[in-house]
N, C-alpha and C. Protein backbone atom coordinates (compact mmCIF):
# COMPACT_ATOMS: atom_id res chain seq x y z
N MET A 1 16.35 -7.37 -6.71
CA MET A 1 16.32 -6.12 -6.78
C MET A 1 15.09 -5.57 -6.60
N ILE A 2 14.83 -4.64 -5.49
CA ILE A 2 13.89 -3.79 -5.35
C ILE A 2 13.70 -2.57 -6.25
N ARG A 3 12.69 -2.40 -6.82
CA ARG A 3 12.38 -1.31 -8.01
C ARG A 3 11.69 -0.39 -7.27
N LEU A 4 12.33 0.81 -6.97
CA LEU A 4 11.64 1.75 -6.18
C LEU A 4 11.29 3.23 -7.01
N TYR A 5 10.26 3.64 -6.92
CA TYR A 5 9.88 4.93 -7.36
C TYR A 5 9.35 5.81 -5.96
N PHE A 6 9.74 7.06 -6.13
CA PHE A 6 9.27 7.90 -5.18
C PHE A 6 8.71 9.25 -6.06
N VAL A 7 7.66 9.60 -5.08
CA VAL A 7 6.85 10.84 -5.50
C VAL A 7 7.06 12.21 -4.40
N ASN A 8 7.60 13.19 -4.85
CA ASN A 8 7.75 14.16 -3.63
C ASN A 8 7.79 15.40 -4.31
N ASN A 9 7.21 16.51 -3.81
CA ASN A 9 7.41 17.69 -4.48
C ASN A 9 8.07 18.82 -3.74
N HIS A 10 9.10 17.97 -3.15
CA HIS A 10 10.23 19.03 -2.64
C HIS A 10 11.66 18.41 -3.29
N PRO A 11 12.35 19.40 -4.06
CA PRO A 11 13.58 18.95 -4.64
C PRO A 11 14.48 18.45 -3.84
N LEU A 12 14.58 19.41 -2.57
CA LEU A 12 15.70 18.94 -1.84
C LEU A 12 15.39 17.63 -1.26
N ILE A 13 14.24 16.91 -0.99
CA ILE A 13 14.03 15.87 -0.20
C ILE A 13 14.07 14.73 -1.56
N GLN A 14 13.93 14.82 -2.71
CA GLN A 14 14.05 14.40 -4.17
C GLN A 14 15.54 14.06 -4.22
N GLU A 15 16.45 15.21 -3.82
CA GLU A 15 17.85 14.96 -4.16
C GLU A 15 18.23 13.97 -3.02
N GLY A 16 17.65 14.18 -1.83
CA GLY A 16 18.48 13.45 -0.87
C GLY A 16 17.84 11.71 -0.84
N LEU A 17 16.76 11.43 -1.24
CA LEU A 17 16.45 10.29 -1.52
C LEU A 17 17.37 9.77 -2.64
N ARG A 18 17.54 10.24 -3.77
CA ARG A 18 18.30 9.67 -4.71
C ARG A 18 19.75 9.48 -4.18
N SER A 19 20.29 10.30 -3.24
CA SER A 19 21.63 10.40 -2.66
C SER A 19 21.52 9.08 -1.75
N LEU A 20 20.71 8.89 -0.82
CA LEU A 20 20.51 7.87 0.15
C LEU A 20 20.15 6.30 -0.40
N LEU A 21 19.40 6.35 -1.53
CA LEU A 21 18.94 5.22 -2.02
C LEU A 21 19.58 4.83 -3.17
N GLY A 22 20.29 5.64 -4.15
CA GLY A 22 21.02 5.20 -5.27
C GLY A 22 22.04 4.52 -5.42
N THR A 23 22.89 4.07 -4.31
CA THR A 23 23.98 3.49 -4.08
C THR A 23 23.84 2.05 -3.43
N GLU A 24 22.46 1.86 -2.98
CA GLU A 24 22.30 0.40 -2.60
C GLU A 24 22.41 -0.56 -3.75
N HIS A 25 23.08 -1.84 -3.18
CA HIS A 25 23.33 -2.87 -4.28
C HIS A 25 21.86 -3.66 -4.63
N ASP A 26 20.84 -3.82 -3.61
CA ASP A 26 19.61 -4.32 -4.12
C ASP A 26 18.33 -3.28 -4.29
N ILE A 27 18.63 -2.40 -4.44
CA ILE A 27 17.64 -1.17 -4.83
C ILE A 27 17.89 -0.54 -6.18
N LEU A 28 16.89 -0.42 -7.12
CA LEU A 28 17.12 0.21 -8.49
C LEU A 28 16.04 1.28 -8.45
N LEU A 29 16.62 2.27 -8.57
CA LEU A 29 15.73 3.64 -8.77
C LEU A 29 15.09 3.72 -9.89
N ALA A 30 13.66 3.31 -9.85
CA ALA A 30 12.83 3.08 -11.22
C ALA A 30 12.48 4.48 -11.90
N GLY A 31 12.55 5.65 -10.97
CA GLY A 31 12.38 7.00 -11.43
C GLY A 31 11.55 7.59 -10.03
N HIS A 32 11.13 9.02 -10.43
CA HIS A 32 10.73 9.84 -9.43
C HIS A 32 9.61 10.91 -10.26
N ALA A 33 8.68 11.46 -9.49
CA ALA A 33 7.79 12.34 -9.92
C ALA A 33 7.50 13.45 -8.80
N ARG A 34 6.92 14.58 -9.08
CA ARG A 34 6.34 15.38 -8.33
C ARG A 34 5.04 15.82 -8.10
N SER A 35 4.25 14.80 -8.92
CA SER A 35 2.75 14.76 -8.73
C SER A 35 2.28 13.31 -8.67
N GLY A 36 1.18 13.17 -8.13
CA GLY A 36 0.29 11.78 -8.31
C GLY A 36 0.14 11.46 -9.28
N CYS A 37 -0.48 12.32 -10.57
CA CYS A 37 -0.73 12.03 -11.57
C CYS A 37 0.46 11.47 -12.45
N ALA A 38 1.44 12.02 -12.27
CA ALA A 38 2.78 11.52 -13.23
C ALA A 38 3.44 10.00 -12.65
N CYS A 39 3.13 10.06 -11.46
CA CYS A 39 3.09 8.71 -10.83
C CYS A 39 2.21 7.84 -11.47
N LEU A 40 0.95 7.81 -11.53
CA LEU A 40 -0.14 6.84 -11.97
C LEU A 40 0.41 6.51 -13.41
N ARG A 41 0.70 7.66 -14.20
CA ARG A 41 1.04 7.50 -15.83
C ARG A 41 2.27 6.46 -15.77
N PHE A 42 3.37 6.82 -14.98
CA PHE A 42 4.50 5.85 -14.71
C PHE A 42 4.25 4.39 -14.58
N LEU A 43 3.31 4.45 -13.59
CA LEU A 43 2.81 2.86 -13.30
C LEU A 43 2.05 2.08 -14.35
N LEU A 44 1.50 2.80 -14.90
CA LEU A 44 0.98 2.29 -16.58
C LEU A 44 1.74 1.39 -17.13
N HIS A 45 3.10 1.96 -17.37
CA HIS A 45 3.92 1.06 -18.42
C HIS A 45 5.31 0.43 -17.78
N ASN A 46 5.54 0.63 -16.57
CA ASN A 46 6.64 0.33 -15.67
C ASN A 46 6.57 -0.55 -14.70
N PRO A 47 7.18 -1.60 -14.34
CA PRO A 47 6.99 -2.52 -13.20
C PRO A 47 7.85 -1.65 -12.05
N VAL A 48 7.20 -1.82 -10.86
CA VAL A 48 7.64 -1.06 -9.85
C VAL A 48 7.21 -2.12 -8.54
N ASP A 49 8.27 -2.05 -7.49
CA ASP A 49 7.84 -2.80 -6.41
C ASP A 49 7.32 -2.12 -5.13
N ILE A 50 8.11 -0.87 -5.19
CA ILE A 50 7.64 0.05 -3.88
C ILE A 50 7.51 1.45 -4.50
N VAL A 51 6.36 2.13 -4.05
CA VAL A 51 6.16 3.69 -4.39
C VAL A 51 6.43 4.54 -2.95
N ILE A 52 7.12 5.21 -2.81
CA ILE A 52 7.48 6.10 -1.64
C ILE A 52 6.75 7.40 -2.07
N ILE A 53 5.80 7.96 -1.04
CA ILE A 53 4.99 9.12 -1.58
C ILE A 53 4.84 9.98 -0.41
N ASP A 54 4.58 11.12 -0.68
CA ASP A 54 4.73 12.20 0.50
C ASP A 54 3.10 12.73 0.59
N THR A 55 2.78 13.23 1.72
CA THR A 55 1.32 13.51 2.13
C THR A 55 0.96 14.87 1.54
N CYS A 56 1.95 15.56 0.88
CA CYS A 56 1.65 16.86 0.40
C CYS A 56 2.08 16.98 -1.02
N LEU A 57 0.90 16.78 -1.85
CA LEU A 57 1.08 16.68 -3.20
C LEU A 57 0.42 17.89 -4.18
N PRO A 58 0.62 18.23 -5.18
CA PRO A 58 0.08 19.40 -5.80
C PRO A 58 -1.47 19.05 -6.37
N ASP A 59 -1.43 17.76 -6.70
CA ASP A 59 -2.68 17.52 -7.30
C ASP A 59 -3.75 16.44 -6.77
N ILE A 60 -3.03 15.35 -6.23
CA ILE A 60 -3.91 14.45 -5.61
C ILE A 60 -3.29 14.17 -4.05
N ASP A 61 -4.55 14.04 -3.22
CA ASP A 61 -4.60 13.77 -1.83
C ASP A 61 -3.67 12.49 -1.94
N SER A 62 -2.92 12.09 -0.95
CA SER A 62 -1.85 11.19 -0.69
C SER A 62 -2.87 9.94 -0.55
N ILE A 63 -4.01 10.09 0.43
CA ILE A 63 -4.86 8.78 0.50
C ILE A 63 -5.50 8.43 -0.88
N GLU A 64 -6.06 9.53 -1.40
CA GLU A 64 -6.32 8.73 -2.82
C GLU A 64 -5.40 8.24 -3.66
N LEU A 65 -4.03 8.89 -3.72
CA LEU A 65 -3.06 8.34 -4.48
C LEU A 65 -2.62 6.62 -4.05
N CYS A 66 -2.52 6.61 -2.78
CA CYS A 66 -2.55 5.48 -2.06
C CYS A 66 -3.39 4.44 -2.50
N ALA A 67 -4.80 4.91 -2.55
CA ALA A 67 -6.02 3.70 -2.66
C ALA A 67 -5.78 3.38 -3.99
N ASN A 68 -5.56 4.49 -5.27
CA ASN A 68 -5.60 4.10 -6.58
C ASN A 68 -4.51 3.24 -6.79
N ILE A 69 -3.19 3.51 -6.19
CA ILE A 69 -1.95 2.37 -6.55
C ILE A 69 -2.32 0.89 -6.01
N ARG A 70 -2.98 0.72 -4.89
CA ARG A 70 -3.24 -0.67 -3.99
C ARG A 70 -4.35 -1.15 -5.03
N MET A 71 -5.24 -0.01 -5.46
CA MET A 71 -6.63 -0.70 -6.26
C MET A 71 -6.09 -1.39 -7.54
N GLU A 72 -5.28 -0.40 -8.45
CA GLU A 72 -4.77 -0.73 -9.76
C GLU A 72 -3.51 -1.83 -10.07
N TYR A 73 -2.84 -1.67 -8.80
CA TYR A 73 -1.39 -2.44 -8.69
C TYR A 73 -1.28 -3.05 -7.67
N PRO A 74 -2.10 -4.11 -6.96
CA PRO A 74 -1.87 -4.89 -5.76
C PRO A 74 -0.74 -5.03 -5.35
N THR A 75 0.38 -5.23 -6.33
CA THR A 75 1.38 -6.02 -5.83
C THR A 75 2.40 -4.94 -5.59
N VAL A 76 2.01 -3.81 -5.97
CA VAL A 76 2.96 -2.47 -5.58
C VAL A 76 2.86 -2.22 -4.07
N ALA A 77 3.62 -2.06 -3.31
CA ALA A 77 3.54 -1.73 -1.79
C ALA A 77 3.88 0.25 -1.78
N VAL A 78 3.39 0.54 -0.92
CA VAL A 78 3.27 1.78 -0.97
C VAL A 78 3.91 2.48 0.50
N LEU A 79 4.77 3.17 0.58
CA LEU A 79 5.50 3.47 1.83
C LEU A 79 5.51 5.19 1.87
N VAL A 80 4.98 5.56 3.01
CA VAL A 80 4.50 7.20 2.98
C VAL A 80 5.74 7.68 3.90
N LEU A 81 6.33 8.77 3.55
CA LEU A 81 7.34 9.62 4.17
C LEU A 81 7.07 10.93 4.15
N SER A 82 6.68 11.22 5.43
CA SER A 82 6.18 12.57 5.61
C SER A 82 6.67 13.47 7.35
N ALA A 83 6.64 14.70 7.34
CA ALA A 83 6.65 15.08 8.43
C ALA A 83 5.43 15.10 9.33
N LEU A 84 3.97 14.84 8.55
CA LEU A 84 3.15 14.81 9.33
C LEU A 84 2.74 13.88 10.28
N ARG A 85 1.94 14.22 11.47
CA ARG A 85 2.03 13.52 12.62
C ARG A 85 0.55 13.03 12.98
N ASP A 86 -0.43 13.48 12.09
CA ASP A 86 -1.77 13.44 12.39
C ASP A 86 -2.16 12.04 12.40
N GLU A 87 -2.62 11.35 13.60
CA GLU A 87 -2.75 10.01 13.77
C GLU A 87 -4.18 9.58 12.76
N LYS A 88 -5.09 10.48 12.83
CA LYS A 88 -6.33 10.01 12.00
C LYS A 88 -6.05 9.86 10.59
N TYR A 89 -5.00 10.68 9.91
CA TYR A 89 -4.52 10.89 8.59
C TYR A 89 -3.69 9.65 8.31
N ILE A 90 -2.68 9.23 9.26
CA ILE A 90 -1.80 7.85 9.33
C ILE A 90 -2.91 6.82 9.13
N ALA A 91 -3.73 6.98 10.22
CA ALA A 91 -4.56 5.29 10.22
C ALA A 91 -5.34 5.27 8.76
N ASP A 92 -5.93 6.44 8.38
CA ASP A 92 -6.37 6.31 7.11
C ASP A 92 -5.62 5.83 5.82
N LEU A 93 -4.47 6.37 5.79
CA LEU A 93 -3.54 5.96 4.84
C LEU A 93 -3.21 4.33 5.09
N LEU A 94 -3.08 3.76 6.52
CA LEU A 94 -2.77 2.40 6.51
C LEU A 94 -4.14 1.69 6.10
N GLN A 95 -5.16 2.22 6.36
CA GLN A 95 -6.27 1.47 6.01
C GLN A 95 -6.73 1.59 4.52
N CYS A 96 -6.03 2.32 3.84
CA CYS A 96 -6.20 2.25 2.22
C CYS A 96 -4.90 1.59 1.77
N GLY A 97 -4.50 0.74 2.54
CA GLY A 97 -3.43 -0.19 1.86
C GLY A 97 -1.72 0.33 2.09
N ALA A 98 -1.81 1.33 2.65
CA ALA A 98 -0.26 1.81 2.87
C ALA A 98 0.59 0.94 3.63
N GLY A 99 1.68 0.58 3.02
CA GLY A 99 2.46 -0.49 4.06
C GLY A 99 3.50 0.03 4.99
N GLY A 100 3.45 1.10 5.06
CA GLY A 100 4.30 1.89 6.42
C GLY A 100 4.25 3.28 6.08
N TYR A 101 4.59 3.97 7.23
CA TYR A 101 4.73 5.41 7.37
C TYR A 101 5.94 5.74 8.29
N ILE A 102 6.79 6.69 7.60
CA ILE A 102 8.11 6.83 8.15
C ILE A 102 8.23 8.41 8.23
N LEU A 103 8.66 8.95 9.54
CA LEU A 103 8.86 10.48 9.40
C LEU A 103 10.05 10.52 8.68
N ASN A 104 9.92 12.00 7.97
CA ASN A 104 11.17 12.42 6.99
C ASN A 104 12.38 12.84 7.85
N THR A 105 12.34 12.60 9.29
CA THR A 105 13.43 12.85 10.21
C THR A 105 14.25 11.50 10.47
N ALA A 106 13.84 10.45 9.68
CA ALA A 106 14.40 9.37 9.95
C ALA A 106 15.70 9.30 9.31
N ASP A 107 16.81 8.65 9.58
CA ASP A 107 18.24 8.57 9.19
C ASP A 107 17.97 7.56 7.87
N LYS A 108 19.14 7.15 7.33
CA LYS A 108 19.40 6.26 6.24
C LYS A 108 19.16 4.99 6.62
N ASP A 109 19.52 4.49 7.89
CA ASP A 109 19.28 3.22 8.43
C ASP A 109 17.88 2.81 8.41
N GLU A 110 17.08 3.97 9.27
CA GLU A 110 15.71 3.50 9.26
C GLU A 110 15.20 3.52 8.01
N LEU A 111 15.12 4.41 6.95
CA LEU A 111 14.73 4.39 5.79
C LEU A 111 14.90 3.11 5.34
N LEU A 112 16.02 2.58 5.11
CA LEU A 112 16.28 1.21 4.44
C LEU A 112 15.58 0.05 5.09
N TYR A 113 15.49 0.12 6.38
CA TYR A 113 14.76 -0.76 7.04
C TYR A 113 13.25 -1.02 6.86
N ALA A 114 12.66 0.09 6.73
CA ALA A 114 11.45 0.56 6.35
C ALA A 114 11.14 -0.03 4.88
N VAL A 115 11.97 0.41 4.06
CA VAL A 115 11.84 -0.23 2.39
C VAL A 115 11.85 -1.67 2.59
N HIS A 116 12.83 -2.35 3.16
CA HIS A 116 12.87 -3.70 2.96
C HIS A 116 11.73 -4.37 3.87
N THR A 117 11.10 -3.82 4.75
CA THR A 117 10.06 -4.30 5.84
C THR A 117 8.83 -4.33 5.07
N VAL A 118 8.61 -3.21 4.14
CA VAL A 118 7.33 -3.10 3.41
C VAL A 118 7.39 -3.66 2.41
N TYR A 119 8.78 -3.93 1.52
CA TYR A 119 8.84 -4.93 0.38
C TYR A 119 8.66 -6.38 0.81
N ALA A 120 8.93 -6.76 2.09
CA ALA A 120 8.66 -8.09 2.67
C ALA A 120 7.16 -8.53 2.83
N GLY A 121 6.32 -7.39 2.46
CA GLY A 121 4.93 -7.42 3.08
C GLY A 121 4.49 -7.04 4.43
N ASP A 122 5.34 -6.70 5.34
CA ASP A 122 4.92 -6.33 6.67
C ASP A 122 4.81 -4.67 6.51
N ILE A 123 4.36 -4.36 7.68
CA ILE A 123 4.09 -2.90 8.29
C ILE A 123 4.95 -2.25 8.68
N TYR A 124 5.46 -1.04 8.43
CA TYR A 124 6.46 -0.36 9.33
C TYR A 124 5.83 0.82 9.57
N LEU A 125 5.92 1.32 10.94
CA LEU A 125 5.99 2.69 11.46
C LEU A 125 6.95 2.93 12.13
N SER A 126 7.20 4.71 12.07
CA SER A 126 8.37 5.09 12.76
C SER A 126 8.03 4.82 14.42
N PRO A 127 9.13 4.61 14.92
CA PRO A 127 9.13 4.30 16.52
C PRO A 127 8.30 5.37 17.31
N ALA A 128 8.47 6.83 16.86
CA ALA A 128 7.81 7.81 17.38
C ALA A 128 6.27 7.79 17.25
N LEU A 129 5.81 7.04 16.14
CA LEU A 129 4.46 7.04 15.87
C LEU A 129 4.00 5.85 16.51
N LYS A 130 4.71 4.76 16.91
CA LYS A 130 4.13 3.48 17.28
C LYS A 130 3.80 4.02 18.87
N GLN A 131 4.53 4.78 19.59
CA GLN A 131 4.39 5.23 20.95
C GLN A 131 2.86 5.76 20.89
N ALA A 132 2.49 6.68 20.04
CA ALA A 132 1.14 7.49 19.92
C ALA A 132 0.06 6.69 19.36
N MET A 133 0.30 5.62 18.51
CA MET A 133 -0.69 4.81 17.81
C MET A 133 -1.04 3.53 18.26
N SER A 134 -1.81 2.97 18.81
CA SER A 134 -2.14 1.42 19.09
C SER A 134 -2.32 0.81 17.76
N SER A 135 -2.10 -0.53 17.75
CA SER A 135 -2.44 -1.40 16.43
C SER A 135 -4.09 -1.33 16.20
N GLU A 136 -4.55 -1.39 17.34
CA GLU A 136 -5.87 -1.50 17.13
C GLU A 136 -6.53 -0.36 16.82
N ARG A 137 -6.15 0.83 16.85
CA ARG A 137 -6.41 2.09 16.14
C ARG A 137 -6.33 2.21 14.80
N VAL A 138 -5.18 1.69 14.36
CA VAL A 138 -4.83 2.05 12.88
C VAL A 138 -5.35 0.36 12.08
N GLY A 139 -5.83 -0.02 12.67
CA GLY A 139 -6.14 -1.64 12.05
C GLY A 139 -5.18 -2.33 11.34
N ILE A 140 -4.02 -2.51 12.13
CA ILE A 140 -3.08 -3.33 11.61
C ILE A 140 -2.34 -4.34 12.50
N GLN A 141 -3.51 -4.78 13.05
CA GLN A 141 -2.95 -6.03 14.16
C GLN A 141 -2.47 -7.24 13.18
N LYS A 142 -1.68 -7.96 13.84
CA LYS A 142 -0.89 -8.99 13.23
C LYS A 142 -2.00 -9.80 12.41
N ASN A 143 -2.77 -10.21 12.98
CA ASN A 143 -3.81 -11.25 12.56
C ASN A 143 -5.18 -10.73 11.79
N PHE A 144 -4.91 -9.38 11.47
CA PHE A 144 -6.11 -8.85 10.94
C PHE A 144 -5.47 -7.64 9.83
N PRO A 145 -4.97 -8.24 8.78
CA PRO A 145 -4.46 -7.11 7.75
C PRO A 145 -5.30 -6.23 7.31
N SER A 146 -4.60 -5.04 6.94
CA SER A 146 -5.65 -3.84 6.29
C SER A 146 -5.81 -4.49 4.69
N LEU A 147 -7.16 -4.06 4.33
CA LEU A 147 -7.38 -4.32 2.99
C LEU A 147 -7.85 -3.23 2.36
N THR A 148 -7.52 -2.98 0.96
CA THR A 148 -7.82 -1.78 0.14
C THR A 148 -9.32 -1.82 -0.11
N ARG A 149 -9.85 -0.55 -0.48
CA ARG A 149 -11.25 -0.64 -0.85
C ARG A 149 -11.84 -1.58 -1.67
N ARG A 150 -10.97 -1.89 -2.89
CA ARG A 150 -11.28 -2.74 -3.94
C ARG A 150 -11.07 -4.27 -3.43
N GLU A 151 -10.02 -4.38 -2.64
CA GLU A 151 -10.24 -5.79 -2.05
C GLU A 151 -11.54 -6.18 -1.06
N LYS A 152 -11.90 -5.11 -0.61
CA LYS A 152 -13.16 -5.36 0.30
C LYS A 152 -14.30 -5.56 -0.55
N GLU A 153 -14.39 -4.81 -1.83
CA GLU A 153 -15.29 -4.82 -2.67
C GLU A 153 -15.55 -6.48 -3.18
N VAL A 154 -14.26 -6.89 -3.67
CA VAL A 154 -14.13 -8.14 -4.32
C VAL A 154 -14.53 -9.44 -3.10
N LEU A 155 -14.28 -9.09 -2.04
CA LEU A 155 -14.39 -10.00 -0.67
C LEU A 155 -15.84 -9.99 -0.92
N CYS A 156 -16.59 -8.98 -0.57
CA CYS A 156 -18.01 -9.00 -0.51
C CYS A 156 -18.69 -9.76 -1.69
N LEU A 157 -18.27 -9.52 -2.63
CA LEU A 157 -19.16 -10.21 -3.90
C LEU A 157 -18.61 -11.57 -4.01
N ILE A 158 -17.43 -11.93 -3.46
CA ILE A 158 -17.36 -13.38 -3.44
C ILE A 158 -17.95 -14.33 -2.56
N SER A 159 -18.48 -13.37 -1.28
CA SER A 159 -19.14 -14.12 -0.27
C SER A 159 -20.74 -14.25 -0.90
N GLU A 160 -20.84 -13.35 -1.58
CA GLU A 160 -22.47 -13.46 -2.20
C GLU A 160 -22.62 -14.56 -3.34
N GLY A 161 -21.34 -15.23 -3.43
CA GLY A 161 -21.32 -16.58 -4.50
C GLY A 161 -20.95 -16.00 -5.84
N ASN A 162 -20.63 -14.87 -6.18
CA ASN A 162 -20.36 -14.55 -7.59
C ASN A 162 -19.02 -15.15 -8.21
N THR A 163 -18.90 -15.28 -9.14
CA THR A 163 -17.71 -15.93 -9.92
C THR A 163 -16.81 -14.82 -10.18
N ASN A 164 -15.54 -15.01 -10.57
CA ASN A 164 -14.61 -14.31 -11.03
C ASN A 164 -15.27 -13.33 -12.00
N VAL A 165 -15.69 -13.81 -13.23
CA VAL A 165 -16.40 -13.41 -14.27
C VAL A 165 -17.44 -12.34 -13.97
N GLU A 166 -18.47 -12.82 -12.95
CA GLU A 166 -19.55 -12.00 -12.61
C GLU A 166 -19.06 -10.94 -11.62
N ILE A 167 -18.05 -11.22 -11.12
CA ILE A 167 -17.45 -9.93 -10.34
C ILE A 167 -16.79 -9.03 -11.15
N ALA A 168 -16.04 -9.44 -12.28
CA ALA A 168 -15.26 -8.50 -13.11
C ALA A 168 -16.70 -7.60 -13.84
N GLU A 169 -17.52 -8.13 -14.11
CA GLU A 169 -18.49 -7.50 -14.91
C GLU A 169 -19.27 -6.46 -13.79
N LYS A 170 -19.35 -6.57 -12.70
CA LYS A 170 -20.01 -5.65 -11.65
C LYS A 170 -19.11 -4.58 -11.34
N LEU A 171 -17.76 -4.80 -11.18
CA LEU A 171 -16.91 -3.88 -10.99
C LEU A 171 -16.12 -3.15 -12.37
N PHE A 172 -16.46 -3.63 -13.49
CA PHE A 172 -15.95 -3.08 -14.68
C PHE A 172 -14.49 -3.21 -14.67
N ILE A 173 -13.88 -4.52 -14.21
CA ILE A 173 -12.69 -4.75 -14.63
C ILE A 173 -12.56 -6.12 -15.06
N SER A 174 -11.15 -6.47 -15.50
CA SER A 174 -10.93 -7.84 -15.97
C SER A 174 -11.03 -8.98 -14.97
N ALA A 175 -11.46 -10.12 -15.66
CA ALA A 175 -11.62 -11.46 -14.40
C ALA A 175 -10.13 -11.61 -14.16
N ASP A 176 -9.14 -11.45 -14.67
CA ASP A 176 -7.58 -11.77 -14.41
C ASP A 176 -7.27 -10.81 -13.22
N THR A 177 -7.90 -9.62 -13.18
CA THR A 177 -7.71 -8.60 -12.10
C THR A 177 -8.43 -9.30 -10.82
N VAL A 178 -9.67 -9.66 -11.22
CA VAL A 178 -10.26 -10.18 -10.08
C VAL A 178 -9.69 -11.46 -9.43
N ASN A 179 -9.06 -12.29 -10.29
CA ASN A 179 -8.56 -13.44 -9.88
C ASN A 179 -7.01 -13.06 -9.01
N SER A 180 -6.57 -12.09 -9.44
CA SER A 180 -5.34 -11.36 -8.56
C SER A 180 -5.82 -10.86 -7.50
N HIS A 181 -6.84 -10.29 -7.10
CA HIS A 181 -7.33 -9.81 -6.03
C HIS A 181 -7.71 -10.82 -5.14
N ARG A 182 -8.43 -11.94 -5.55
CA ARG A 182 -8.56 -12.98 -4.77
C ARG A 182 -7.28 -13.83 -4.42
N LYS A 183 -6.50 -14.03 -5.31
CA LYS A 183 -5.12 -14.31 -4.67
C LYS A 183 -4.63 -13.51 -3.49
N LYS A 184 -4.60 -12.34 -3.49
CA LYS A 184 -3.99 -11.35 -2.79
C LYS A 184 -4.89 -11.56 -1.34
N LEU A 185 -6.43 -11.62 -1.49
CA LEU A 185 -7.01 -11.76 -0.31
C LEU A 185 -6.56 -13.15 0.18
N LEU A 186 -6.53 -14.41 -0.27
CA LEU A 186 -6.16 -15.41 0.36
C LEU A 186 -4.79 -15.49 1.10
N ALA A 187 -3.69 -14.65 0.33
CA ALA A 187 -2.49 -14.49 1.12
C ALA A 187 -2.56 -13.77 2.31
N LYS A 188 -2.94 -12.44 1.98
CA LYS A 188 -3.19 -11.69 3.25
C LYS A 188 -3.86 -12.16 4.40
N LEU A 189 -4.82 -12.97 4.03
CA LEU A 189 -5.79 -13.55 5.30
C LEU A 189 -5.27 -14.86 5.86
N GLU A 190 -4.35 -15.41 5.12
CA GLU A 190 -3.45 -16.46 5.34
C GLU A 190 -4.62 -17.90 5.51
N VAL A 191 -5.55 -17.69 4.31
CA VAL A 191 -6.58 -18.93 4.29
C VAL A 191 -6.01 -19.60 2.78
N LYS A 192 -6.43 -20.96 2.75
CA LYS A 192 -6.31 -21.72 1.56
C LYS A 192 -7.39 -21.80 0.50
N ASN A 193 -8.50 -21.44 0.79
CA ASN A 193 -9.62 -21.56 -0.25
C ASN A 193 -10.72 -20.38 -0.05
N THR A 194 -11.58 -20.59 -1.04
CA THR A 194 -12.53 -19.53 -0.92
C THR A 194 -13.46 -19.90 0.39
N ALA A 195 -13.70 -21.19 0.77
CA ALA A 195 -14.79 -21.25 1.79
C ALA A 195 -14.24 -20.86 3.13
N MET A 196 -12.82 -21.15 3.22
CA MET A 196 -12.01 -20.45 4.38
C MET A 196 -12.26 -18.75 4.41
N LEU A 197 -11.99 -18.31 3.29
CA LEU A 197 -12.00 -16.83 3.08
C LEU A 197 -13.36 -16.14 3.63
N ILE A 198 -14.22 -16.78 3.00
CA ILE A 198 -15.69 -16.43 3.41
C ILE A 198 -15.72 -16.68 5.03
N LYS A 199 -15.28 -17.76 5.62
CA LYS A 199 -15.41 -17.89 6.99
C LYS A 199 -14.68 -16.93 8.02
N TYR A 200 -13.62 -16.61 7.27
CA TYR A 200 -12.61 -15.71 7.99
C TYR A 200 -13.56 -14.14 8.18
N ALA A 201 -13.89 -13.93 6.66
CA ALA A 201 -14.60 -12.50 6.58
C ALA A 201 -15.83 -12.55 7.52
N VAL A 202 -16.61 -13.51 7.55
CA VAL A 202 -17.78 -13.66 8.79
C VAL A 202 -17.39 -13.62 10.03
N ASP A 203 -16.46 -14.09 10.31
CA ASP A 203 -16.01 -14.43 11.82
C ASP A 203 -15.42 -13.07 12.19
N ASN A 204 -14.50 -12.30 11.34
CA ASN A 204 -13.82 -11.13 11.68
C ASN A 204 -14.71 -9.73 11.23
N LYS A 205 -16.08 -10.08 10.79
CA LYS A 205 -16.86 -9.03 10.44
C LYS A 205 -16.47 -7.95 9.45
N LEU A 206 -15.74 -8.59 8.40
CA LEU A 206 -15.12 -7.68 7.40
C LEU A 206 -16.36 -7.55 6.24
N LEU A 207 -17.51 -8.17 6.30
CA LEU A 207 -18.47 -7.80 5.52
C LEU A 207 -19.64 -6.84 5.88
N VAL A 208 -19.23 -6.52 7.05
CA VAL A 208 -20.24 -5.53 7.72
C VAL A 208 -20.00 -4.10 6.74
């Protein structure tokens, strides 16, 4: 069951998402909000698999919201649903860890496909956007996954030989959270241990 939460400031789109997704047997609508702050408060106490966000929110820029979610809740995927077609903005969202970007002109089938694609850990871009944006520009090559800002910080500190406890102290987070980031990095970069992780980072200039 995919636990899904969405953030959108437009009542009609909120109602449309409830109507489109509420009857799916493998999707549980965990809730919705009209602001980024309300979303972050909800995530503090409720398990969610995917958050669908809009690019136009009244309180938090969507890039900041995406980065916050991916930093504090690395297991939560972010799917952006918007009419905005700005390539630089979309690229920034993907670099911050968004799992996909879908235009709000999409039909139900495309929306469901995007949700399941992101849930599986893959990247989804609306076909119209794929034609305008190369993988290289948005940094989502198959063999070079995007990393969140926090993951990059942890990766750099790992490369310097810091332990989980030392990294936790430097970043003011718990050692368990550091361990979670470490495991996520191993999975994302498809390596088996810390030595291979550092080698991959060096070879691909991720520490620059």
